[in-house]
Amino acid sequence: MNRRLRDATGGASSALATKRPRGWLALLGALVTIVAPARAEVARLSVGEVSSLVGHAEVVPALKATLASELAKVRPAAGHSWIVNASLVKLEARKGTSRKEAAISFALRDAEGNLRAVVQGAASGERVSDADLVEAATRGGTKAVADVVAR
């Protein structure tokens, strides 16, 4: 009888020994499942299409570079990803003066591509280069973008 008890106990303990690693693996799997959604909720802000609707293709690289550097400073609300498209919609000099004006339209789309907001940046100045004027309008517009994505 003592032998049966020992065999039964030995069998039970060996069965428990094989189940323990599974328990730890299940716990590890549960932790990975809990951590995985947190990683999926990383907020991102990326540059989409950058173009000019009014010609002046020579300032598009300055617009794109300024937009990328300014968006790198912006922190969107947790769990939201945004794509920012920018279009130069105005770049002209006032007649009879040395004053120039620029306007840039920013379209903000969510990760699925749905349009969520449109904001505009504008700048004007005298005796400034087109690239400097576009950079100033881009900086102004990204402040409005930052306000939208922070919500």
C-alpha atoms as a PDB file:
ATOM      1  CA  MET A   1       0.000   0.000   0.000  1.00  0.00           C
ATOM      2  CA  ASN A   2       2.828   2.329   0.747  1.00  0.00           C
ATOM      3  CA  ARG A   3       4.134   1.623  -2.718  1.00  0.00           C
ATOM      4  CA  ARG A   4       0.778   2.563  -4.305  1.00  0.00           C
ATOM      5  CA  LEU A   5       0.717   5.820  -2.403  1.00  0.00           C
ATOM      6  CA  ARG A   6       4.207   6.611  -3.511  1.00  0.00           C
ATOM      7  CA  ASP A   7       3.393   5.803  -7.154  1.00  0.00           C
ATOM      8  CA  ALA A   8       0.222   7.861  -7.046  1.00  0.00           C
ATOM      9  CA  THR A   9       2.003  10.787  -5.464  1.00  0.00           C
ATOM     10  CA  GLY A  10       4.900  10.487  -7.867  1.00  0.00           C
ATOM     11  CA  GLY A  11       2.512  10.475 -10.782  1.00  0.00           C
ATOM     12  CA  ALA A  12       0.687  13.530  -9.464  1.00  0.00           C
ATOM     13  CA  SER A  13       3.843  15.464  -8.820  1.00  0.00           C
ATOM     14  CA  SER A  14       5.214  14.659 -12.250  1.00  0.00           C
ATOM     15  CA  ALA A  15       1.945  15.766 -13.814  1.00  0.00           C
ATOM     16  CA  LEU A  16       2.124  19.037 -11.879  1.00  0.00           C
ATOM     17  CA  ALA A  17       5.728  19.494 -12.897  1.00  0.00           C
ATOM     18  CA  THR A  18       4.755  19.374 -16.554  1.00  0.00           C
ATOM     19  CA  LYS A  19       1.865  21.788 -16.029  1.00  0.00           C
ATOM     20  CA  ARG A  20       3.889  24.480 -14.270  1.00  0.00           C
ATOM     21  CA  PRO A  21       5.832  25.554 -17.335  1.00  0.00           C
ATOM     22  CA  ARG A  22       2.566  25.783 -19.233  1.00  0.00           C
ATOM     23  CA  GLY A  23       1.211  28.030 -16.481  1.00  0.00           C
ATOM     24  CA  TRP A  24       4.232  30.307 -16.754  1.00  0.00           C
ATOM     25  CA  LEU A  25       3.949  30.304 -20.523  1.00  0.00           C
ATOM     26  CA  ALA A  26       0.277  31.211 -20.254  1.00  0.00           C
ATOM     27  CA  LEU A  27       1.165  34.035 -17.880  1.00  0.00           C
ATOM     28  CA  LEU A  28       3.895  35.225 -20.224  1.00  0.00           C
ATOM     29  CA  GLY A  29       1.423  35.067 -23.123  1.00  0.00           C
ATOM     30  CA  ALA A  30      -1.071  37.121 -21.143  1.00  0.00           C
ATOM     31  CA  LEU A  31       1.578  39.742 -20.395  1.00  0.00           C
ATOM     32  CA  VAL A  32       2.530  39.934 -24.062  1.00  0.00           C
ATOM     33  CA  THR A  33      -1.142  40.376 -24.921  1.00  0.00           C
ATOM     34  CA  ILE A  34      -1.452  43.195 -22.411  1.00  0.00           C
ATOM     35  CA  VAL A  35       1.715  44.922 -23.636  1.00  0.00           C
ATOM     36  CA  ALA A  36       0.964  44.535 -27.357  1.00  0.00           C
ATOM     37  CA  PRO A  37      -1.986  46.970 -27.492  1.00  0.00           C
ATOM     38  CA  ALA A  38       0.093  49.581 -25.688  1.00  0.00           C
ATOM     39  CA  ARG A  39       2.618  49.425 -28.488  1.00  0.00           C
ATOM     40  CA  ALA A  40      -0.142  49.664 -31.089  1.00  0.00           C
ATOM     41  CA  GLU A  41      -1.301  52.938 -29.545  1.00  0.00           C
ATOM     42  CA  VAL A  42       1.904  54.808 -30.358  1.00  0.00           C
ATOM     43  CA  ALA A  43       1.010  58.228 -31.714  1.00  0.00           C
ATOM     44  CA  ARG A  44       2.515  59.168 -35.036  1.00  0.00           C
ATOM     45  CA  LEU A  45       2.507  62.235 -37.217  1.00  0.00           C
ATOM     46  CA  SER A  46       3.835  61.813 -40.731  1.00  0.00           C
ATOM     47  CA  VAL A  47       4.248  63.946 -43.826  1.00  0.00           C
ATOM     48  CA  GLY A  48       2.019  62.959 -46.710  1.00  0.00           C
ATOM     49  CA  GLU A  49       1.795  64.657 -50.086  1.00  0.00           C
ATOM     50  CA  VAL A  50       3.440  68.074 -50.439  1.00  0.00           C
ATOM     51  CA  SER A  51       2.650  70.104 -53.548  1.00  0.00           C
ATOM     52  CA  SER A  52       2.003  73.496 -55.056  1.00  0.00           C
ATOM     53  CA  LEU A  53      -1.307  74.414 -56.648  1.00  0.00           C
ATOM     54  CA  VAL A  54      -0.032  77.758 -57.937  1.00  0.00           C
ATOM     55  CA  GLY A  55       3.217  76.818 -59.649  1.00  0.00           C
ATOM     56  CA  HIS A  56       6.435  77.833 -57.896  1.00  0.00           C
ATOM     57  CA  ALA A  57       7.696  74.238 -57.776  1.00  0.00           C
ATOM     58  CA  GLU A  58      11.084  75.589 -56.679  1.00  0.00           C
ATOM     59  CA  VAL A  59       9.776  76.230 -53.140  1.00  0.00           C
ATOM     60  CA  VAL A  60       8.204  72.784 -52.648  1.00  0.00           C
ATOM     61  CA  PRO A  61      11.456  71.251 -51.281  1.00  0.00           C
ATOM     62  CA  ALA A  62      11.707  74.091 -48.715  1.00  0.00           C
ATOM     63  CA  LEU A  63       8.050  73.524 -47.796  1.00  0.00           C
ATOM     64  CA  LYS A  64       8.580  69.790 -47.368  1.00  0.00           C
ATOM     65  CA  ALA A  65      11.778  70.149 -45.322  1.00  0.00           C
ATOM     66  CA  THR A  66      10.266  72.776 -43.019  1.00  0.00           C
ATOM     67  CA  LEU A  67       7.090  70.740 -42.588  1.00  0.00           C
ATOM     68  CA  ALA A  68       9.059  67.615 -41.655  1.00  0.00           C
ATOM     69  CA  SER A  69      11.209  69.449 -39.111  1.00  0.00           C
ATOM     70  CA  GLU A  70       8.244  71.255 -37.530  1.00  0.00           C
ATOM     71  CA  LEU A  71       6.099  68.097 -37.332  1.00  0.00           C
ATOM     72  CA  ALA A  72       8.964  66.310 -35.572  1.00  0.00           C
ATOM     73  CA  LYS A  73       8.433  68.741 -32.665  1.00  0.00           C
ATOM     74  CA  VAL A  74       4.681  68.049 -32.409  1.00  0.00           C
ATOM     75  CA  ARG A  75       3.358  65.385 -30.019  1.00  0.00           C
ATOM     76  CA  PRO A  76      -0.056  64.054 -31.048  1.00  0.00           C
ATOM     77  CA  ALA A  77      -2.546  62.687 -28.530  1.00  0.00           C
ATOM     78  CA  ALA A  78      -1.819  59.109 -27.482  1.00  0.00           C
ATOM     79  CA  GLY A  79      -3.263  56.439 -29.704  1.00  0.00           C
ATOM     80  CA  HIS A  80      -3.772  58.658 -32.750  1.00  0.00           C
ATOM     81  CA  SER A  81      -1.835  58.617 -35.985  1.00  0.00           C
ATOM     82  CA  TRP A  82      -2.038  61.439 -38.482  1.00  0.00           C
ATOM     83  CA  ILE A  83      -0.951  62.086 -42.051  1.00  0.00           C
ATOM     84  CA  VAL A  84      -0.414  65.737 -42.946  1.00  0.00           C
ATOM     85  CA  ASN A  85      -0.673  66.830 -46.586  1.00  0.00           C
ATOM     86  CA  ALA A  86       0.422  70.366 -47.494  1.00  0.00           C
ATOM     87  CA  SER A  87      -0.334  72.472 -50.561  1.00  0.00           C
ATOM     88  CA  LEU A  88       0.965  75.891 -51.419  1.00  0.00           C
ATOM     89  CA  VAL A  89      -2.207  77.744 -52.426  1.00  0.00           C
ATOM     90  CA  LYS A  90      -0.906  81.307 -52.669  1.00  0.00           C
ATOM     91  CA  LEU A  91       2.462  82.896 -53.388  1.00  0.00           C
ATOM     92  CA  GLU A  92       2.260  86.318 -54.929  1.00  0.00           C
ATOM     93  CA  ALA A  93       3.540  89.856 -54.714  1.00  0.00           C
ATOM     94  CA  ARG A  94       1.145  92.733 -54.174  1.00  0.00           C
ATOM     95  CA  LYS A  95       0.969  95.011 -57.183  1.00  0.00           C
ATOM     96  CA  GLY A  96       2.933  98.203 -56.840  1.00  0.00           C
ATOM     97  CA  THR A  97       4.756  97.109 -53.656  1.00  0.00           C
ATOM     98  CA  SER A  98       7.586  94.835 -52.608  1.00  0.00           C
ATOM     99  CA  ARG A  99       5.240  92.963 -50.239  1.00  0.00           C
ATOM    100  CA  LYS A 100       4.716  89.234 -50.837  1.00  0.00           C
ATOM    101  CA  GLU A 101       2.113  86.868 -49.410  1.00  0.00           C
ATOM    102  CA  ALA A 102       2.040  83.100 -49.051  1.00  0.00           C
ATOM    103  CA  ALA A 103      -0.646  80.700 -47.881  1.00  0.00           C
ATOM    104  CA  ILE A 104      -0.405  76.967 -47.306  1.00  0.00           C
ATOM    105  CA  SER A 105      -3.313  74.600 -46.756  1.00  0.00           C
ATOM    106  CA  PHE A 106      -2.798  71.576 -44.499  1.00  0.00           C
ATOM    107  CA  ALA A 107      -5.120  68.572 -44.717  1.00  0.00           C
ATOM    108  CA  LEU A 108      -5.018  66.259 -41.690  1.00  0.00           C
ATOM    109  CA  ARG A 109      -6.045  62.661 -42.226  1.00  0.00           C
ATOM    110  CA  ASP A 110      -6.306  59.852 -39.714  1.00  0.00           C
ATOM    111  CA  ALA A 111      -4.500  56.524 -40.158  1.00  0.00           C
ATOM    112  CA  GLU A 112      -7.381  55.170 -42.268  1.00  0.00           C
ATOM    113  CA  GLY A 113      -7.148  58.139 -44.652  1.00  0.00           C
ATOM    114  CA  ASN A 114     -10.299  59.951 -43.496  1.00  0.00           C
ATOM    115  CA  LEU A 115     -10.113  63.739 -43.671  1.00  0.00           C
ATOM    116  CA  ARG A 116     -10.325  65.107 -40.108  1.00  0.00           C
ATOM    117  CA  ALA A 117      -9.338  68.782 -40.419  1.00  0.00           C
ATOM    118  CA  VAL A 118      -8.083  71.448 -42.780  1.00  0.00           C
ATOM    119  CA  VAL A 119      -6.002  74.328 -41.430  1.00  0.00           C
ATOM    120  CA  GLN A 120      -4.078  77.107 -43.084  1.00  0.00           C
ATOM    121  CA  GLY A 121      -0.805  78.898 -42.504  1.00  0.00           C
ATOM    122  CA  ALA A 122      -0.070  82.316 -43.948  1.00  0.00           C
ATOM    123  CA  ALA A 123       2.810  84.765 -43.984  1.00  0.00           C
ATOM    124  CA  SER A 124       3.638  88.053 -45.605  1.00  0.00           C
ATOM    125  CA  GLY A 125       6.714  90.200 -45.766  1.00  0.00           C
ATOM    126  CA  GLU A 126       8.690  92.743 -47.703  1.00  0.00           C
ATOM    127  CA  ARG A 127      11.915  92.018 -49.518  1.00  0.00           C
ATOM    128  CA  VAL A 128      11.955  88.329 -48.559  1.00  0.00           C
ATOM    129  CA  SER A 129      12.716  85.364 -50.713  1.00  0.00           C
ATOM    130  CA  ASP A 130       9.920  83.046 -51.774  1.00  0.00           C
ATOM    131  CA  ALA A 131      11.514  80.150 -49.862  1.00  0.00           C
ATOM    132  CA  ASP A 132      11.738  82.192 -46.630  1.00  0.00           C
ATOM    133  CA  LEU A 133       8.127  83.267 -46.978  1.00  0.00           C
ATOM    134  CA  VAL A 134       6.958  79.682 -47.543  1.00  0.00           C
ATOM    135  CA  GLU A 135       8.967  78.501 -44.520  1.00  0.00           C
ATOM    136  CA  ALA A 136       7.316  81.163 -42.329  1.00  0.00           C
ATOM    137  CA  ALA A 137       3.847  80.175 -43.546  1.00  0.00           C
ATOM    138  CA  THR A 138       4.674  76.515 -42.894  1.00  0.00           C
ATOM    139  CA  ARG A 139       5.773  77.241 -39.323  1.00  0.00           C
ATOM    140  CA  GLY A 140       2.580  79.173 -38.684  1.00  0.00           C
ATOM    141  CA  GLY A 141       0.431  76.405 -40.131  1.00  0.00           C
ATOM    142  CA  THR A 142       2.098  73.665 -38.122  1.00  0.00           C
ATOM    143  CA  LYS A 143       1.109  75.486 -34.932  1.00  0.00           C
ATOM    144  CA  ALA A 144      -2.519  75.040 -36.006  1.00  0.00           C
ATOM    145  CA  VAL A 145      -1.779  71.403 -36.877  1.00  0.00           C
ATOM    146  CA  ALA A 146      -0.319  70.899 -33.384  1.00  0.00           C
ATOM    147  CA  ASP A 147      -3.520  72.239 -31.826  1.00  0.00           C
ATOM    148  CA  VAL A 148      -5.664  69.801 -33.814  1.00  0.00           C
ATOM    149  CA  VAL A 149      -3.590  66.676 -33.178  1.00  0.00           C
ATOM    150  CA  ALA A 150      -3.179  67.371 -29.467  1.00  0.00           C
ATOM    151  CA  ARG A 151      -6.907  66.777 -28.889  1.00  0.00           C
END
